N, C-alpha and C. Protein backbone atom coordinates (compact mmCIF):
# COMPACT_ATOMS: atom_id res chain seq x y z
N MET A 1 71.75 117.34 91.69
CA MET A 1 72.81 116.37 91.39
C MET A 1 73.00 116.32 89.87
N ASP A 2 74.19 116.04 89.45
CA ASP A 2 74.49 116.00 88.03
C ASP A 2 74.57 114.57 87.51
N GLY A 3 73.88 113.64 88.15
CA GLY A 3 73.87 112.25 87.69
C GLY A 3 74.92 111.38 88.32
N GLU A 4 75.82 111.96 89.12
CA GLU A 4 76.84 111.13 89.79
C GLU A 4 76.20 110.33 90.91
N ARG A 5 76.66 109.12 91.06
CA ARG A 5 76.21 108.28 92.16
C ARG A 5 77.29 108.28 93.22
N ASP A 6 76.87 108.05 94.47
CA ASP A 6 77.91 108.02 95.50
C ASP A 6 78.69 106.73 95.41
N GLU A 7 79.84 106.68 96.10
CA GLU A 7 80.74 105.54 95.96
C GLU A 7 80.14 104.24 96.47
N ARG A 8 79.16 104.27 97.34
CA ARG A 8 78.52 103.04 97.81
C ARG A 8 77.41 102.61 96.87
N GLY A 9 77.02 103.46 95.95
CA GLY A 9 75.91 103.16 95.07
C GLY A 9 76.30 102.59 93.73
N GLY A 10 77.54 102.24 93.53
CA GLY A 10 77.94 101.61 92.28
C GLY A 10 78.17 102.62 91.18
N GLY A 11 78.91 103.66 91.44
CA GLY A 11 79.17 104.68 90.45
C GLY A 11 80.09 104.24 89.34
N GLY A 12 80.43 102.97 89.28
CA GLY A 12 81.31 102.46 88.24
C GLY A 12 82.73 102.34 88.74
N PRO A 13 83.57 101.61 88.00
CA PRO A 13 84.91 101.32 88.47
C PRO A 13 85.79 102.55 88.66
N LYS A 14 85.54 103.66 87.95
CA LYS A 14 86.37 104.85 88.10
C LYS A 14 86.02 105.62 89.37
N ARG A 15 84.81 105.49 89.86
CA ARG A 15 84.38 106.25 91.04
C ARG A 15 84.29 105.38 92.29
N ALA A 16 84.08 104.10 92.13
CA ALA A 16 83.90 103.22 93.29
C ALA A 16 85.19 103.14 94.10
N LYS A 17 85.04 102.98 95.41
CA LYS A 17 86.17 102.84 96.32
C LYS A 17 86.19 101.43 96.90
N ASN A 18 87.36 101.01 97.33
CA ASN A 18 87.47 99.73 98.01
C ASN A 18 87.43 99.95 99.52
N VAL A 19 87.54 98.87 100.28
CA VAL A 19 87.46 98.96 101.73
C VAL A 19 88.63 99.71 102.35
N LEU A 20 89.67 99.97 101.58
CA LEU A 20 90.83 100.72 102.05
C LEU A 20 90.72 102.20 101.70
N GLY A 21 89.62 102.58 101.01
CA GLY A 21 89.42 103.96 100.62
C GLY A 21 90.10 104.35 99.32
N LEU A 22 90.63 103.38 98.62
CA LEU A 22 91.32 103.61 97.34
C LEU A 22 90.40 103.23 96.19
N PRO A 23 90.76 103.57 94.95
CA PRO A 23 89.94 103.15 93.81
C PRO A 23 89.79 101.63 93.77
N LEU A 24 88.59 101.18 93.46
CA LEU A 24 88.29 99.75 93.40
C LEU A 24 89.05 99.09 92.25
N ALA A 25 89.82 98.05 92.56
CA ALA A 25 90.57 97.30 91.55
C ALA A 25 89.68 96.19 90.97
N ASP A 26 90.08 95.68 89.83
CA ASP A 26 89.39 94.53 89.23
C ASP A 26 89.55 93.32 90.13
N CYS A 27 88.53 92.47 90.13
CA CYS A 27 88.58 91.22 90.88
C CYS A 27 88.99 90.08 89.96
N SER A 28 88.22 89.86 88.89
CA SER A 28 88.56 88.78 87.95
C SER A 28 87.84 88.96 86.62
N HIS A 29 88.60 88.72 85.55
CA HIS A 29 88.03 88.69 84.21
C HIS A 29 88.01 87.27 83.67
N ALA A 30 88.69 86.35 84.34
CA ALA A 30 88.72 84.94 83.93
C ALA A 30 88.80 84.09 85.19
N PRO A 31 87.67 83.64 85.73
CA PRO A 31 86.32 83.82 85.19
C PRO A 31 85.81 85.25 85.41
N LEU A 32 84.94 85.67 84.51
CA LEU A 32 84.36 87.01 84.58
C LEU A 32 83.38 87.08 85.74
N THR A 33 83.62 88.00 86.65
CA THR A 33 82.81 88.09 87.87
C THR A 33 82.17 89.46 88.01
N GLY A 34 81.45 89.62 89.09
CA GLY A 34 80.78 90.86 89.43
C GLY A 34 79.31 90.81 89.11
N PHE A 35 78.52 91.49 89.91
CA PHE A 35 77.08 91.55 89.68
C PHE A 35 76.77 92.04 88.27
N PHE A 36 77.58 92.98 87.79
CA PHE A 36 77.38 93.54 86.45
C PHE A 36 78.22 92.82 85.40
N ARG A 37 78.91 91.76 85.80
CA ARG A 37 79.83 91.01 84.94
C ARG A 37 80.79 91.96 84.23
N ASP A 38 81.40 92.83 85.06
CA ASP A 38 82.38 93.77 84.55
C ASP A 38 83.77 93.51 85.11
N GLY A 39 83.92 92.39 85.82
CA GLY A 39 85.21 92.04 86.40
C GLY A 39 85.49 92.69 87.73
N CYS A 40 84.58 93.56 88.17
CA CYS A 40 84.73 94.28 89.44
C CYS A 40 83.59 93.96 90.38
N CYS A 41 83.83 94.15 91.67
CA CYS A 41 82.78 93.92 92.67
C CYS A 41 81.96 95.18 92.89
N ASN A 42 81.56 95.80 91.78
CA ASN A 42 80.67 96.96 91.84
C ASN A 42 79.31 96.53 92.34
N THR A 43 78.56 97.49 92.85
CA THR A 43 77.22 97.20 93.35
C THR A 43 76.30 98.35 93.01
N GLY A 44 75.05 98.16 93.24
CA GLY A 44 74.05 99.18 92.99
C GLY A 44 72.72 98.73 93.55
N PRO A 45 71.69 99.52 93.37
CA PRO A 45 70.38 99.22 93.96
C PRO A 45 69.80 97.86 93.55
N MET A 46 70.12 97.39 92.36
CA MET A 46 69.56 96.11 91.90
C MET A 46 70.31 94.90 92.48
N ASP A 47 71.48 95.12 93.05
CA ASP A 47 72.30 94.05 93.61
C ASP A 47 71.85 93.75 95.03
N ARG A 48 70.75 93.04 95.15
CA ARG A 48 70.20 92.73 96.48
C ARG A 48 71.13 91.84 97.30
N GLY A 49 71.97 91.05 96.64
CA GLY A 49 72.89 90.17 97.34
C GLY A 49 74.17 90.85 97.79
N VAL A 50 74.39 92.08 97.39
CA VAL A 50 75.59 92.84 97.73
C VAL A 50 76.84 92.00 97.41
N HIS A 51 77.07 91.76 96.12
CA HIS A 51 78.20 90.96 95.63
C HIS A 51 79.46 91.82 95.61
N THR A 52 80.01 92.09 96.77
CA THR A 52 81.06 93.10 96.90
C THR A 52 82.39 92.60 97.45
N VAL A 53 82.46 91.35 97.89
CA VAL A 53 83.70 90.81 98.47
C VAL A 53 84.46 90.04 97.39
N CYS A 54 85.65 90.51 97.05
CA CYS A 54 86.49 89.79 96.09
C CYS A 54 87.25 88.71 96.87
N ALA A 55 86.73 87.49 96.78
CA ALA A 55 87.28 86.38 97.56
C ALA A 55 88.08 85.43 96.67
N VAL A 56 89.10 84.84 97.26
CA VAL A 56 89.92 83.84 96.59
C VAL A 56 89.37 82.47 97.01
N MET A 57 88.82 81.76 96.04
CA MET A 57 88.15 80.49 96.33
C MET A 57 89.10 79.43 96.90
N THR A 58 88.55 78.66 97.83
CA THR A 58 89.24 77.49 98.38
C THR A 58 88.29 76.30 98.27
N ALA A 59 88.84 75.11 98.29
CA ALA A 59 87.99 73.92 98.25
C ALA A 59 87.05 73.92 99.45
N GLU A 60 87.56 74.32 100.60
CA GLU A 60 86.74 74.34 101.81
C GLU A 60 85.56 75.31 101.67
N PHE A 61 85.83 76.52 101.15
CA PHE A 61 84.74 77.47 101.00
C PHE A 61 83.74 77.01 99.93
N LEU A 62 84.22 76.47 98.82
CA LEU A 62 83.31 76.00 97.77
C LEU A 62 82.39 74.91 98.31
N ALA A 63 82.92 74.01 99.13
CA ALA A 63 82.08 72.97 99.75
C ALA A 63 81.08 73.60 100.72
N PHE A 64 81.52 74.57 101.49
CA PHE A 64 80.65 75.27 102.42
C PHE A 64 79.51 75.96 101.67
N SER A 65 79.84 76.68 100.62
CA SER A 65 78.82 77.39 99.84
C SER A 65 77.81 76.41 99.25
N LYS A 66 78.31 75.30 98.73
CA LYS A 66 77.41 74.27 98.16
C LYS A 66 76.49 73.73 99.25
N SER A 67 77.01 73.54 100.45
CA SER A 67 76.18 73.01 101.56
C SER A 67 75.10 74.00 101.97
N ARG A 68 75.30 75.27 101.61
CA ARG A 68 74.32 76.32 101.93
C ARG A 68 73.38 76.59 100.75
N GLY A 69 73.48 75.75 99.70
CA GLY A 69 72.56 75.87 98.57
C GLY A 69 73.06 76.71 97.41
N ASN A 70 74.32 77.14 97.45
CA ASN A 70 74.87 77.92 96.35
C ASN A 70 76.10 77.20 95.80
N ASP A 71 75.86 76.35 94.81
CA ASP A 71 76.93 75.55 94.20
C ASP A 71 77.69 76.41 93.20
N LEU A 72 78.87 76.83 93.59
CA LEU A 72 79.70 77.68 92.74
C LEU A 72 80.72 76.89 91.93
N SER A 73 80.82 75.58 92.18
CA SER A 73 81.87 74.80 91.52
C SER A 73 81.38 74.04 90.28
N THR A 74 80.08 73.85 90.13
CA THR A 74 79.55 73.12 88.98
C THR A 74 79.35 74.07 87.80
N PRO A 75 79.97 73.76 86.65
CA PRO A 75 79.76 74.61 85.47
C PRO A 75 78.29 74.64 85.05
N MET A 76 77.86 75.80 84.57
CA MET A 76 76.52 75.98 84.02
C MET A 76 76.68 76.72 82.70
N PRO A 77 77.08 75.98 81.64
CA PRO A 77 77.38 76.64 80.37
C PRO A 77 76.20 77.42 79.79
N GLN A 78 74.98 76.99 80.10
CA GLN A 78 73.81 77.70 79.58
C GLN A 78 73.74 79.14 80.09
N TYR A 79 74.44 79.43 81.20
CA TYR A 79 74.50 80.78 81.75
C TYR A 79 75.88 81.40 81.59
N GLY A 80 76.75 80.74 80.86
CA GLY A 80 78.11 81.24 80.67
C GLY A 80 78.95 81.15 81.93
N PHE A 81 78.59 80.23 82.82
CA PHE A 81 79.30 80.09 84.10
C PHE A 81 80.19 78.85 84.04
N PRO A 82 81.52 79.04 84.13
CA PRO A 82 82.44 77.92 83.99
C PRO A 82 82.58 77.04 85.23
N GLY A 83 82.03 77.47 86.36
CA GLY A 83 82.28 76.78 87.62
C GLY A 83 83.60 77.27 88.19
N LEU A 84 83.64 77.42 89.49
CA LEU A 84 84.85 77.95 90.13
C LEU A 84 85.69 76.83 90.70
N LYS A 85 86.98 77.11 90.80
CA LYS A 85 87.92 76.16 91.39
C LYS A 85 88.81 76.91 92.38
N PRO A 86 89.46 76.21 93.27
CA PRO A 86 90.36 76.88 94.21
C PRO A 86 91.35 77.78 93.47
N GLY A 87 91.54 78.97 94.01
CA GLY A 87 92.44 79.95 93.41
C GLY A 87 91.73 80.99 92.58
N ASP A 88 90.52 80.68 92.08
CA ASP A 88 89.75 81.67 91.33
C ASP A 88 89.32 82.79 92.27
N GLN A 89 89.27 84.01 91.74
CA GLN A 89 88.72 85.13 92.49
C GLN A 89 87.29 85.36 92.01
N TRP A 90 86.40 85.70 92.95
CA TRP A 90 84.98 85.82 92.64
C TRP A 90 84.35 86.85 93.57
N CYS A 91 83.42 87.62 93.05
CA CYS A 91 82.70 88.60 93.87
C CYS A 91 81.59 87.89 94.64
N LEU A 92 81.82 87.70 95.91
CA LEU A 92 80.86 87.01 96.78
C LEU A 92 79.89 88.00 97.42
N CYS A 93 78.75 87.48 97.79
CA CYS A 93 77.82 88.25 98.61
C CYS A 93 78.49 88.49 99.96
N ALA A 94 78.44 89.71 100.43
CA ALA A 94 79.07 90.04 101.70
C ALA A 94 78.48 89.22 102.85
N ALA A 95 77.19 88.99 102.82
CA ALA A 95 76.57 88.20 103.90
C ALA A 95 77.03 86.75 103.88
N ARG A 96 77.30 86.18 102.70
CA ARG A 96 77.81 84.80 102.61
C ARG A 96 79.22 84.74 103.15
N TRP A 97 80.04 85.76 102.85
CA TRP A 97 81.40 85.77 103.39
C TRP A 97 81.33 85.86 104.92
N GLN A 98 80.45 86.70 105.44
CA GLN A 98 80.30 86.87 106.88
C GLN A 98 79.84 85.55 107.51
N GLU A 99 78.91 84.87 106.87
CA GLU A 99 78.44 83.57 107.36
C GLU A 99 79.59 82.56 107.40
N ALA A 100 80.39 82.54 106.33
CA ALA A 100 81.54 81.64 106.29
C ALA A 100 82.55 81.99 107.39
N LEU A 101 82.73 83.27 107.65
CA LEU A 101 83.63 83.70 108.72
C LEU A 101 83.17 83.13 110.06
N LEU A 102 81.89 83.25 110.34
CA LEU A 102 81.36 82.75 111.61
C LEU A 102 81.48 81.23 111.74
N GLU A 103 81.54 80.55 110.60
CA GLU A 103 81.68 79.08 110.59
C GLU A 103 83.14 78.65 110.47
N GLY A 104 84.07 79.61 110.44
CA GLY A 104 85.49 79.29 110.33
C GLY A 104 85.91 78.83 108.95
N LYS A 105 85.17 79.24 107.90
CA LYS A 105 85.46 78.79 106.55
C LYS A 105 85.60 79.94 105.55
N ALA A 106 85.85 81.13 106.05
CA ALA A 106 85.96 82.30 105.17
C ALA A 106 87.20 82.21 104.29
N PRO A 107 87.02 82.47 103.01
CA PRO A 107 88.19 82.49 102.11
C PRO A 107 88.96 83.80 102.27
N LYS A 108 90.16 83.83 101.73
CA LYS A 108 90.97 85.04 101.71
C LYS A 108 90.24 86.09 100.87
N VAL A 109 90.59 87.35 101.11
CA VAL A 109 89.93 88.48 100.46
C VAL A 109 90.97 89.37 99.78
N ASN A 110 90.68 89.76 98.55
CA ASN A 110 91.48 90.75 97.85
C ASN A 110 90.90 92.11 98.25
N LEU A 111 91.52 92.76 99.21
CA LEU A 111 91.00 94.02 99.76
C LEU A 111 90.92 95.13 98.74
N ARG A 112 91.89 95.18 97.84
CA ARG A 112 91.91 96.24 96.84
C ARG A 112 90.75 96.11 95.85
N ALA A 113 90.18 94.92 95.75
CA ALA A 113 89.07 94.67 94.82
C ALA A 113 87.74 94.45 95.55
N THR A 114 87.71 94.70 96.86
CA THR A 114 86.49 94.54 97.66
C THR A 114 85.86 95.92 97.87
N HIS A 115 84.63 96.05 97.42
CA HIS A 115 83.90 97.32 97.42
C HIS A 115 83.65 97.82 98.84
N VAL A 116 83.72 99.13 99.02
CA VAL A 116 83.51 99.77 100.32
C VAL A 116 82.14 99.43 100.92
N ALA A 117 81.14 99.15 100.11
CA ALA A 117 79.81 98.80 100.62
C ALA A 117 79.85 97.55 101.49
N THR A 118 80.89 96.75 101.35
CA THR A 118 81.06 95.55 102.17
C THR A 118 81.08 95.91 103.66
N LEU A 119 81.58 97.09 103.97
CA LEU A 119 81.72 97.50 105.37
C LEU A 119 80.38 97.71 106.06
N ASP A 120 79.30 97.72 105.31
CA ASP A 120 77.96 97.77 105.92
C ASP A 120 77.60 96.42 106.54
N ILE A 121 78.32 95.36 106.14
CA ILE A 121 77.99 94.00 106.56
C ILE A 121 79.16 93.32 107.29
N CYS A 122 80.37 93.59 106.86
CA CYS A 122 81.57 92.93 107.41
C CYS A 122 82.49 93.97 108.04
N ALA A 123 83.15 93.57 109.11
CA ALA A 123 84.10 94.47 109.78
C ALA A 123 85.44 94.50 109.04
N LEU A 124 86.00 95.69 108.93
CA LEU A 124 87.28 95.84 108.24
C LEU A 124 88.37 94.99 108.90
N ASP A 125 88.39 94.91 110.21
CA ASP A 125 89.40 94.09 110.89
C ASP A 125 89.29 92.62 110.49
N ASP A 126 88.06 92.10 110.33
CA ASP A 126 87.88 90.71 109.90
C ASP A 126 88.38 90.53 108.48
N LEU A 127 88.07 91.49 107.62
CA LEU A 127 88.53 91.41 106.22
C LEU A 127 90.04 91.47 106.17
N LYS A 128 90.64 92.37 106.93
CA LYS A 128 92.10 92.48 106.95
C LYS A 128 92.75 91.20 107.48
N ALA A 129 92.11 90.56 108.46
CA ALA A 129 92.66 89.32 109.01
C ALA A 129 92.65 88.19 107.97
N HIS A 130 91.84 88.36 106.93
CA HIS A 130 91.76 87.35 105.84
C HIS A 130 92.30 87.91 104.52
N ALA A 131 93.12 88.93 104.60
CA ALA A 131 93.66 89.56 103.39
C ALA A 131 94.53 88.60 102.60
N ALA A 132 94.31 88.59 101.30
CA ALA A 132 95.12 87.76 100.40
C ALA A 132 96.45 88.45 100.06
N GLU A 133 96.51 89.75 100.32
CA GLU A 133 97.70 90.52 100.00
C GLU A 133 98.16 91.27 101.25
N ASP A 134 99.39 91.76 101.20
CA ASP A 134 99.89 92.60 102.30
C ASP A 134 99.18 93.93 102.26
N VAL A 135 98.77 94.41 103.42
CA VAL A 135 98.07 95.70 103.49
C VAL A 135 98.91 96.73 104.20
């Protein structure tokens, strides 16, 4: 191998694919998201949470996430985290999105910015049913 990583291994934004098989688009730079804080839902071996779903936050989902022990709405300036509000896009853990889906609280998904590795955890049909954009 010449150092290239496969598309599920976080080869970077130029090589990574989304769930539609196209190049992975940016999720958000304001607030800055992604496991690598690169604005994309890239992943790799160190990303144990698989932060690959580019989700559009809703008040309902933020309350759900907080009830599960992950408060995404409270700012934490010491970590450079502004706190999320409805309408913000954020790279969620695929398993958290799946859990929210089963509870009827899944937020919309930006498919073009959702990493293909998500398909190891979430079904494409479920993601498409929650698409934030026309597919």
